[in-house]
Amino acid sequence: MDTFHGKTAIVTGASSGIGKATAIAFLKTGANVAAVSRKMEHLETIRREVNEAAERLLLIAVDVTKETNRKKCITSTVEKFGGIDILVQAAGIISNGTIETTTESQWNEMMDINLTSVYRLMQLALPSITERRGNIVNVSSVTGLRAFPGVLAYCVSKAGVDQLTRCAALELASKGVRVNAVNPGVVMTNLHRNSGMDEAAYSKFLEHSKETHPLGRVGSPEEVAELILFLTSEKASWITGATYGIDGGRAQTCFR
């Protein structure tokens, strides 16, 4: 796939997992990439892995829940690369909690990171994306499509991302801007570790996931990145408003 030469992509959550795999994939196909995450030392691992593409890489270490930082992501990218063709939003968190136990602060934090920042970065990037007739991919979750117990705020935030994606796709279609989402099942990333799950619990969770995913395994960040690259490419030029499951069949199953 060589269609990204001369294109510029912003990728949030780029220091690990799906975001990092996507940033590296874009760089390998010739794109300019603004990689966004909170910690610069984690972002630097991208530069080390794709050293030959360093001149096409901009590292932006910010917290995207802050409005000034969101604006910095856009202005810094436009200043360095001249514009924005693609926005991929992979930044996100997960935490446990039910309707009875989720606190207001936990709810607000989940919505700030997983939904509000997605909506605002879309708004801020749209002038440049519209000018270039670019597109957006939001990283949602199988939990946006199906209900799961014990992760209430996460499910709601991802359902919000899906509806935001569909509504924006309808509103922007006449301008030639496509908006899609990917909905992964369990993927080998740091998402659950960052929520406080220790290694023993995480290993048990991954083992159990072999049973809950019909294909018998969890996914890799690179597999999701390949789907994101397809959706942002000209090969997907007639796809918009899709919430694309990539979950080993997880969304097809009943609760167990």
C-alpha atoms as a PDB file:
ATOM      1  CA  MET A   1       0.000   0.000   0.000  1.00  0.00           C
ATOM      2  CA  ASP A   2       1.803   3.143  -1.227  1.00  0.00           C
ATOM      3  CA  THR A   3      -1.112   5.570  -1.247  1.00  0.00           C
ATOM      4  CA  PHE A   4       0.057   7.509   1.827  1.00  0.00           C
ATOM      5  CA  HIS A   5       3.108   9.219   0.329  1.00  0.00           C
ATOM      6  CA  GLY A   6       2.634  12.941   0.865  1.00  0.00           C
ATOM      7  CA  LYS A   7      -0.262  12.409   3.297  1.00  0.00           C
ATOM      8  CA  THR A   8      -0.209  13.546   6.916  1.00  0.00           C
ATOM      9  CA  ALA A   9      -1.813  11.592   9.749  1.00  0.00           C
ATOM     10  CA  ILE A  10      -2.341  12.500  13.389  1.00  0.00           C
ATOM     11  CA  VAL A  11      -2.451   9.431  15.638  1.00  0.00           C
ATOM     12  CA  THR A  12      -3.404   9.765  19.308  1.00  0.00           C
ATOM     13  CA  GLY A  13      -2.566   7.123  21.881  1.00  0.00           C
ATOM     14  CA  ALA A  14       0.538   6.536  19.804  1.00  0.00           C
ATOM     15  CA  SER A  15       2.965   5.454  22.510  1.00  0.00           C
ATOM     16  CA  SER A  16       1.708   1.875  22.707  1.00  0.00           C
ATOM     17  CA  GLY A  17      -0.769  -0.673  21.440  1.00  0.00           C
ATOM     18  CA  ILE A  18      -3.031   0.083  18.502  1.00  0.00           C
ATOM     19  CA  GLY A  19      -1.959   3.720  18.280  1.00  0.00           C
ATOM     20  CA  LYS A  20       1.734   2.880  18.109  1.00  0.00           C
ATOM     21  CA  ALA A  21       1.207   0.096  15.563  1.00  0.00           C
ATOM     22  CA  THR A  22      -0.842   2.484  13.427  1.00  0.00           C
ATOM     23  CA  ALA A  23       1.726   5.288  13.585  1.00  0.00           C
ATOM     24  CA  ILE A  24       4.503   2.894  12.558  1.00  0.00           C
ATOM     25  CA  ALA A  25       2.386   1.439   9.744  1.00  0.00           C
ATOM     26  CA  PHE A  26       1.704   4.916   8.346  1.00  0.00           C
ATOM     27  CA  LEU A  27       5.404   5.806   8.496  1.00  0.00           C
ATOM     28  CA  LYS A  28       6.332   2.605   6.674  1.00  0.00           C
ATOM     29  CA  THR A  29       3.922   3.455   3.865  1.00  0.00           C
ATOM     30  CA  GLY A  30       5.399   6.921   3.357  1.00  0.00           C
ATOM     31  CA  ALA A  31       3.080   9.153   5.392  1.00  0.00           C
ATOM     32  CA  ASN A  32       4.004  12.028   7.658  1.00  0.00           C
ATOM     33  CA  VAL A  33       2.886  11.221  11.194  1.00  0.00           C
ATOM     34  CA  ALA A  34       2.164  13.381  14.222  1.00  0.00           C
ATOM     35  CA  ALA A  35       2.267  10.872  17.086  1.00  0.00           C
ATOM     36  CA  VAL A  36       0.429  12.044  20.204  1.00  0.00           C
ATOM     37  CA  SER A  37       0.602  10.643  23.729  1.00  0.00           C
ATOM     38  CA  ARG A  38       1.230  11.838  27.259  1.00  0.00           C
ATOM     39  CA  LYS A  39       4.832  10.695  27.771  1.00  0.00           C
ATOM     40  CA  MET A  40       7.666  11.651  25.449  1.00  0.00           C
ATOM     41  CA  GLU A  41       9.902   8.771  26.551  1.00  0.00           C
ATOM     42  CA  HIS A  42       7.260   6.316  25.329  1.00  0.00           C
ATOM     43  CA  LEU A  43       6.779   8.183  22.056  1.00  0.00           C
ATOM     44  CA  GLU A  44      10.518   8.050  21.424  1.00  0.00           C
ATOM     45  CA  THR A  45      10.244   4.278  20.924  1.00  0.00           C
ATOM     46  CA  ILE A  46       8.526   4.989  17.603  1.00  0.00           C
ATOM     47  CA  ARG A  47      11.506   6.976  16.380  1.00  0.00           C
ATOM     48  CA  ARG A  48      13.847   4.166  17.331  1.00  0.00           C
ATOM     49  CA  GLU A  49      11.755   1.569  15.506  1.00  0.00           C
ATOM     50  CA  VAL A  50      11.385   3.594  12.298  1.00  0.00           C
ATOM     51  CA  ASN A  51      14.635   5.526  12.347  1.00  0.00           C
ATOM     52  CA  GLU A  52      14.808   5.989   8.587  1.00  0.00           C
ATOM     53  CA  ALA A  53      11.499   7.865   8.656  1.00  0.00           C
ATOM     54  CA  ALA A  54      12.452  10.216  11.494  1.00  0.00           C
ATOM     55  CA  GLU A  55      12.155  13.325   9.321  1.00  0.00           C
ATOM     56  CA  ARG A  56       8.495  12.443   8.700  1.00  0.00           C
ATOM     57  CA  LEU A  57       7.708  12.016  12.401  1.00  0.00           C
ATOM     58  CA  LEU A  58       6.498  14.664  14.843  1.00  0.00           C
ATOM     59  CA  LEU A  59       6.228  13.663  18.501  1.00  0.00           C
ATOM     60  CA  ILE A  60       3.682  15.575  20.600  1.00  0.00           C
ATOM     61  CA  ALA A  61       3.670  14.748  24.321  1.00  0.00           C
ATOM     62  CA  VAL A  62       0.418  16.158  25.703  1.00  0.00           C
ATOM     63  CA  ASP A  63      -2.692  15.205  27.649  1.00  0.00           C
ATOM     64  CA  VAL A  64      -5.530  15.395  25.117  1.00  0.00           C
ATOM     65  CA  THR A  65      -8.147  16.071  27.806  1.00  0.00           C
ATOM     66  CA  LYS A  66      -6.831  19.661  27.979  1.00  0.00           C
ATOM     67  CA  GLU A  67      -8.219  22.032  25.341  1.00  0.00           C
ATOM     68  CA  THR A  68      -4.950  23.949  24.927  1.00  0.00           C
ATOM     69  CA  ASN A  69      -3.172  20.661  24.264  1.00  0.00           C
ATOM     70  CA  ARG A  70      -5.755  19.574  21.707  1.00  0.00           C
ATOM     71  CA  LYS A  71      -5.235  22.824  19.843  1.00  0.00           C
ATOM     72  CA  LYS A  72      -1.473  22.309  20.049  1.00  0.00           C
ATOM     73  CA  CYS A  73      -1.819  18.920  18.339  1.00  0.00           C
ATOM     74  CA  ILE A  74      -3.530  20.532  15.373  1.00  0.00           C
ATOM     75  CA  THR A  75      -1.428  23.690  15.062  1.00  0.00           C
ATOM     76  CA  SER A  76       1.898  21.867  15.494  1.00  0.00           C
ATOM     77  CA  THR A  77       0.981  19.326  12.825  1.00  0.00           C
ATOM     78  CA  VAL A  78      -0.162  21.967  10.347  1.00  0.00           C
ATOM     79  CA  GLU A  79       2.951  24.068  10.987  1.00  0.00           C
ATOM     80  CA  LYS A  80       5.306  21.157  10.363  1.00  0.00           C
ATOM     81  CA  PHE A  81       3.547  19.301   7.539  1.00  0.00           C
ATOM     82  CA  GLY A  82       1.246  21.909   5.983  1.00  0.00           C
ATOM     83  CA  GLY A  83      -2.064  20.225   6.747  1.00  0.00           C
ATOM     84  CA  ILE A  84      -3.914  17.140   7.952  1.00  0.00           C
ATOM     85  CA  ASP A  85      -5.278  14.336   5.785  1.00  0.00           C
ATOM     86  CA  ILE A  86      -6.045  11.691   8.397  1.00  0.00           C
ATOM     87  CA  LEU A  87      -6.988  11.681  12.072  1.00  0.00           C
ATOM     88  CA  VAL A  88      -6.801   8.390  13.979  1.00  0.00           C
ATOM     89  CA  GLN A  89      -7.932   8.539  17.599  1.00  0.00           C
ATOM     90  CA  ALA A  90      -6.646   5.599  19.616  1.00  0.00           C
ATOM     91  CA  ALA A  91      -6.154   7.271  23.010  1.00  0.00           C
ATOM     92  CA  GLY A  92      -8.330   5.714  25.673  1.00  0.00           C
ATOM     93  CA  ILE A  93      -8.634   4.204  29.138  1.00  0.00           C
ATOM     94  CA  ILE A  94     -10.689   1.478  30.787  1.00  0.00           C
ATOM     95  CA  SER A  95     -11.713   0.928  34.399  1.00  0.00           C
ATOM     96  CA  ASN A  96     -14.029  -1.373  36.287  1.00  0.00           C
ATOM     97  CA  GLY A  97     -17.328  -0.226  37.717  1.00  0.00           C
ATOM     98  CA  THR A  98     -21.037  -0.996  37.658  1.00  0.00           C
ATOM     99  CA  ILE A  99     -24.091   1.288  37.740  1.00  0.00           C
ATOM    100  CA  GLU A 100     -23.947   0.920  41.520  1.00  0.00           C
ATOM    101  CA  THR A 101     -20.232   1.470  42.064  1.00  0.00           C
ATOM    102  CA  THR A 102     -19.034   3.894  39.356  1.00  0.00           C
ATOM    103  CA  THR A 103     -18.268   7.262  40.924  1.00  0.00           C
ATOM    104  CA  GLU A 104     -18.962  10.563  39.234  1.00  0.00           C
ATOM    105  CA  SER A 105     -15.235  11.287  38.984  1.00  0.00           C
ATOM    106  CA  GLN A 106     -14.607   7.902  37.335  1.00  0.00           C
ATOM    107  CA  TRP A 107     -17.451   8.561  34.904  1.00  0.00           C
ATOM    108  CA  ASN A 108     -16.180  12.038  34.045  1.00  0.00           C
ATOM    109  CA  GLU A 109     -12.602  10.855  33.524  1.00  0.00           C
ATOM    110  CA  MET A 110     -13.775   8.099  31.182  1.00  0.00           C
ATOM    111  CA  MET A 111     -15.916  10.478  29.137  1.00  0.00           C
ATOM    112  CA  ASP A 112     -13.196  13.155  29.005  1.00  0.00           C
ATOM    113  CA  ILE A 113     -10.585  10.824  27.568  1.00  0.00           C
ATOM    114  CA  ASN A 114     -12.651   8.368  25.535  1.00  0.00           C
ATOM    115  CA  LEU A 115     -15.338  10.642  24.109  1.00  0.00           C
ATOM    116  CA  THR A 116     -14.983  14.386  24.673  1.00  0.00           C
ATOM    117  CA  SER A 117     -11.388  14.521  23.446  1.00  0.00           C
ATOM    118  CA  VAL A 118     -12.412  12.529  20.364  1.00  0.00           C
ATOM    119  CA  TYR A 119     -15.216  14.962  19.551  1.00  0.00           C
ATOM    120  CA  ARG A 120     -13.062  18.064  20.093  1.00  0.00           C
ATOM    121  CA  LEU A 121     -10.065  16.844  18.113  1.00  0.00           C
ATOM    122  CA  MET A 122     -12.411  16.010  15.244  1.00  0.00           C
ATOM    123  CA  GLN A 123     -13.791  19.549  15.355  1.00  0.00           C
ATOM    124  CA  LEU A 124     -10.369  21.146  15.530  1.00  0.00           C
ATOM    125  CA  ALA A 125      -8.894  19.048  12.719  1.00  0.00           C
ATOM    126  CA  LEU A 126     -11.858  19.380  10.379  1.00  0.00           C
ATOM    127  CA  PRO A 127     -10.907  22.644   8.624  1.00  0.00           C
ATOM    128  CA  SER A 128      -7.689  21.079   7.320  1.00  0.00           C
ATOM    129  CA  ILE A 129      -9.197  17.624   6.767  1.00  0.00           C
ATOM    130  CA  THR A 130     -12.117  19.128   4.842  1.00  0.00           C
ATOM    131  CA  GLU A 131      -9.796  21.220   2.684  1.00  0.00           C
ATOM    132  CA  ARG A 132      -7.864  18.063   1.781  1.00  0.00           C
ATOM    133  CA  ARG A 133     -10.968  15.833   1.571  1.00  0.00           C
ATOM    134  CA  GLY A 134      -9.382  13.566   4.153  1.00  0.00           C
ATOM    135  CA  ASN A 135     -10.890  11.181   6.657  1.00  0.00           C
ATOM    136  CA  ILE A 136     -11.129  10.124  10.286  1.00  0.00           C
ATOM    137  CA  VAL A 137     -10.972   6.762  12.057  1.00  0.00           C
ATOM    138  CA  ASN A 138     -11.941   6.517  15.710  1.00  0.00           C
ATOM    139  CA  VAL A 139     -10.814   3.509  17.734  1.00  0.00           C
ATOM    140  CA  SER A 140     -13.897   2.258  19.547  1.00  0.00           C
ATOM    141  CA  SER A 141     -14.463  -1.217  21.011  1.00  0.00           C
ATOM    142  CA  VAL A 142     -16.652  -4.285  20.820  1.00  0.00           C
ATOM    143  CA  THR A 143     -18.182  -2.777  23.976  1.00  0.00           C
ATOM    144  CA  GLY A 144     -19.566   0.039  21.832  1.00  0.00           C
ATOM    145  CA  LEU A 145     -21.624  -2.532  19.953  1.00  0.00           C
ATOM    146  CA  ARG A 146     -22.516  -4.916  22.780  1.00  0.00           C
ATOM    147  CA  ALA A 147     -23.160  -4.540  26.508  1.00  0.00           C
ATOM    148  CA  PHE A 148     -20.703  -6.065  28.993  1.00  0.00           C
ATOM    149  CA  PRO A 149     -21.070  -6.084  32.795  1.00  0.00           C
ATOM    150  CA  GLY A 150     -18.608  -4.427  35.130  1.00  0.00           C
ATOM    151  CA  VAL A 151     -17.249  -1.775  32.751  1.00  0.00           C
ATOM    152  CA  LEU A 152     -20.249   0.557  32.592  1.00  0.00           C
ATOM    153  CA  ALA A 153     -18.583   3.893  31.848  1.00  0.00           C
ATOM    154  CA  TYR A 154     -16.246   2.343  29.289  1.00  0.00           C
ATOM    155  CA  CYS A 155     -19.160   0.744  27.414  1.00  0.00           C
ATOM    156  CA  VAL A 156     -21.093   4.003  27.384  1.00  0.00           C
ATOM    157  CA  SER A 157     -18.087   6.016  26.227  1.00  0.00           C
ATOM    158  CA  LYS A 158     -17.435   3.656  23.328  1.00  0.00           C
ATOM    159  CA  ALA A 159     -21.116   3.570  22.341  1.00  0.00           C
ATOM    160  CA  GLY A 160     -20.842   7.365  22.259  1.00  0.00           C
ATOM    161  CA  VAL A 161     -17.809   7.148  19.979  1.00  0.00           C
ATOM    162  CA  ASP A 162     -19.778   4.919  17.594  1.00  0.00           C
ATOM    163  CA  GLN A 163     -22.744   7.294  17.425  1.00  0.00           C
ATOM    164  CA  LEU A 164     -20.442  10.308  17.099  1.00  0.00           C
ATOM    165  CA  THR A 165     -18.784   8.522  14.184  1.00  0.00           C
ATOM    166  CA  ARG A 166     -22.072   7.781  12.435  1.00  0.00           C
ATOM    167  CA  CYS A 167     -23.527  11.268  12.924  1.00  0.00           C
ATOM    168  CA  ALA A 168     -20.335  12.999  11.778  1.00  0.00           C
ATOM    169  CA  ALA A 169     -20.135  10.717   8.738  1.00  0.00           C
ATOM    170  CA  LEU A 170     -23.610  11.813   7.634  1.00  0.00           C
ATOM    171  CA  GLU A 171     -22.921  15.475   8.261  1.00  0.00           C
ATOM    172  CA  LEU A 172     -19.564  15.504   6.458  1.00  0.00           C
ATOM    173  CA  ALA A 173     -20.354  13.245   3.517  1.00  0.00           C
ATOM    174  CA  SER A 174     -21.350  16.139   1.264  1.00  0.00           C
ATOM    175  CA  LYS A 175     -17.892  17.647   1.853  1.00  0.00           C
ATOM    176  CA  GLY A 176     -16.130  14.461   0.792  1.00  0.00           C
ATOM    177  CA  VAL A 177     -14.910  13.665   4.317  1.00  0.00           C
ATOM    178  CA  ARG A 178     -15.275  10.065   5.505  1.00  0.00           C
ATOM    179  CA  VAL A 179     -15.600   9.063   9.173  1.00  0.00           C
ATOM    180  CA  ASN A 180     -15.375   5.466  10.371  1.00  0.00           C
ATOM    181  CA  ALA A 181     -14.623   3.532  13.552  1.00  0.00           C
ATOM    182  CA  VAL A 182     -12.957   0.222  14.343  1.00  0.00           C
ATOM    183  CA  ASN A 183     -14.333  -1.923  17.162  1.00  0.00           C
ATOM    184  CA  PRO A 184     -11.670  -4.325  18.456  1.00  0.00           C
ATOM    185  CA  GLY A 185     -12.208  -7.184  20.849  1.00  0.00           C
ATOM    186  CA  VAL A 186      -9.442  -7.994  23.321  1.00  0.00           C
ATOM    187  CA  VAL A 187      -6.079  -6.956  21.864  1.00  0.00           C
ATOM    188  CA  MET A 188      -2.630  -7.420  23.400  1.00  0.00           C
ATOM    189  CA  THR A 189      -1.979  -3.860  24.571  1.00  0.00           C
ATOM    190  CA  ASN A 190      -1.316  -2.040  27.846  1.00  0.00           C
ATOM    191  CA  LEU A 191      -4.948  -0.925  28.168  1.00  0.00           C
ATOM    192  CA  HIS A 192      -5.894  -3.336  30.930  1.00  0.00           C
ATOM    193  CA  ARG A 193      -2.503  -3.118  32.663  1.00  0.00           C
ATOM    194  CA  ASN A 194      -2.887   0.654  32.816  1.00  0.00           C
ATOM    195  CA  SER A 195      -6.265   0.194  34.500  1.00  0.00           C
ATOM    196  CA  GLY A 196      -4.495  -1.447  37.446  1.00  0.00           C
ATOM    197  CA  MET A 197      -4.683  -5.105  36.449  1.00  0.00           C
ATOM    198  CA  ASP A 198      -1.572  -6.947  37.669  1.00  0.00           C
ATOM    199  CA  GLU A 199       0.311  -9.460  35.543  1.00  0.00           C
ATOM    200  CA  ALA A 200      -1.298 -12.522  37.112  1.00  0.00           C
ATOM    201  CA  ALA A 201      -4.804 -11.171  36.585  1.00  0.00           C
ATOM    202  CA  TYR A 202      -3.944 -10.044  33.057  1.00  0.00           C
ATOM    203  CA  SER A 203      -2.585 -13.470  32.123  1.00  0.00           C
ATOM    204  CA  LYS A 204      -5.760 -15.079  33.468  1.00  0.00           C
ATOM    205  CA  PHE A 205      -7.862 -12.578  31.520  1.00  0.00           C
ATOM    206  CA  LEU A 206      -6.005 -13.338  28.262  1.00  0.00           C
ATOM    207  CA  GLU A 207      -6.420 -17.070  28.797  1.00  0.00           C
ATOM    208  CA  HIS A 208     -10.141 -16.650  29.404  1.00  0.00           C
ATOM    209  CA  SER A 209     -10.379 -14.487  26.264  1.00  0.00           C
ATOM    210  CA  LYS A 210      -9.417 -17.511  24.167  1.00  0.00           C
ATOM    211  CA  GLU A 211     -12.783 -18.966  25.198  1.00  0.00           C
ATOM    212  CA  THR A 212     -14.853 -15.798  24.758  1.00  0.00           C
ATOM    213  CA  HIS A 213     -13.529 -15.064  21.249  1.00  0.00           C
ATOM    214  CA  PRO A 214     -14.791 -17.664  18.747  1.00  0.00           C
ATOM    215  CA  LEU A 215     -11.530 -17.657  16.771  1.00  0.00           C
ATOM    216  CA  GLY A 216      -9.797 -18.837  19.931  1.00  0.00           C
ATOM    217  CA  ARG A 217      -7.284 -16.057  20.477  1.00  0.00           C
ATOM    218  CA  VAL A 218      -6.880 -12.354  21.203  1.00  0.00           C
ATOM    219  CA  GLY A 219      -5.846  -9.877  18.541  1.00  0.00           C
ATOM    220  CA  SER A 220      -2.640  -7.987  17.873  1.00  0.00           C
ATOM    221  CA  PRO A 221      -2.265  -4.204  17.512  1.00  0.00           C
ATOM    222  CA  GLU A 222      -0.833  -4.729  14.024  1.00  0.00           C
ATOM    223  CA  GLU A 223      -4.011  -6.480  12.863  1.00  0.00           C
ATOM    224  CA  VAL A 224      -6.118  -3.503  13.916  1.00  0.00           C
ATOM    225  CA  ALA A 225      -3.611  -1.096  12.355  1.00  0.00           C
ATOM    226  CA  GLU A 226      -3.985  -2.876   9.007  1.00  0.00           C
ATOM    227  CA  LEU A 227      -7.738  -2.301   9.116  1.00  0.00           C
ATOM    228  CA  ILE A 228      -7.223   1.360  10.001  1.00  0.00           C
ATOM    229  CA  LEU A 229      -4.861   1.807   7.065  1.00  0.00           C
ATOM    230  CA  PHE A 230      -7.400   0.206   4.750  1.00  0.00           C
ATOM    231  CA  LEU A 231     -10.201   2.482   5.980  1.00  0.00           C
ATOM    232  CA  THR A 232      -8.061   5.596   5.526  1.00  0.00           C
ATOM    233  CA  SER A 233      -6.903   4.564   2.046  1.00  0.00           C
ATOM    234  CA  GLU A 234      -8.472   5.178  -1.347  1.00  0.00           C
ATOM    235  CA  LYS A 235      -9.423   1.502  -1.403  1.00  0.00           C
ATOM    236  CA  ALA A 236     -12.123   2.373   1.140  1.00  0.00           C
ATOM    237  CA  SER A 237     -13.315   5.502  -0.679  1.00  0.00           C
ATOM    238  CA  TRP A 238     -16.974   4.372  -0.593  1.00  0.00           C
ATOM    239  CA  ILE A 239     -17.030   3.482   3.103  1.00  0.00           C
ATOM    240  CA  THR A 240     -18.246   5.991   5.678  1.00  0.00           C
ATOM    241  CA  GLY A 241     -20.205   5.775   8.913  1.00  0.00           C
ATOM    242  CA  ALA A 242     -19.067   2.189   9.487  1.00  0.00           C
ATOM    243  CA  THR A 243     -18.324   0.730  12.905  1.00  0.00           C
ATOM    244  CA  TYR A 244     -16.053  -2.083  11.824  1.00  0.00           C
ATOM    245  CA  GLY A 245     -15.793  -5.099  14.108  1.00  0.00           C
ATOM    246  CA  ILE A 246     -12.361  -6.686  14.375  1.00  0.00           C
ATOM    247  CA  ASP A 247     -12.830  -8.954  17.349  1.00  0.00           C
ATOM    248  CA  GLY A 248     -12.332 -12.621  16.529  1.00  0.00           C
ATOM    249  CA  GLY A 249     -16.114 -13.002  16.482  1.00  0.00           C
ATOM    250  CA  ARG A 250     -16.621 -11.657  20.017  1.00  0.00           C
ATOM    251  CA  ALA A 251     -19.577  -9.443  19.103  1.00  0.00           C
ATOM    252  CA  GLN A 252     -21.446 -12.468  17.735  1.00  0.00           C
ATOM    253  CA  THR A 253     -21.469 -14.312  21.056  1.00  0.00           C
ATOM    254  CA  CYS A 254     -23.885 -14.366  23.985  1.00  0.00           C
ATOM    255  CA  PHE A 255     -22.690 -13.393  27.462  1.00  0.00           C
ATOM    256  CA  ARG A 256     -20.499 -15.927  29.222  1.00  0.00           C
END
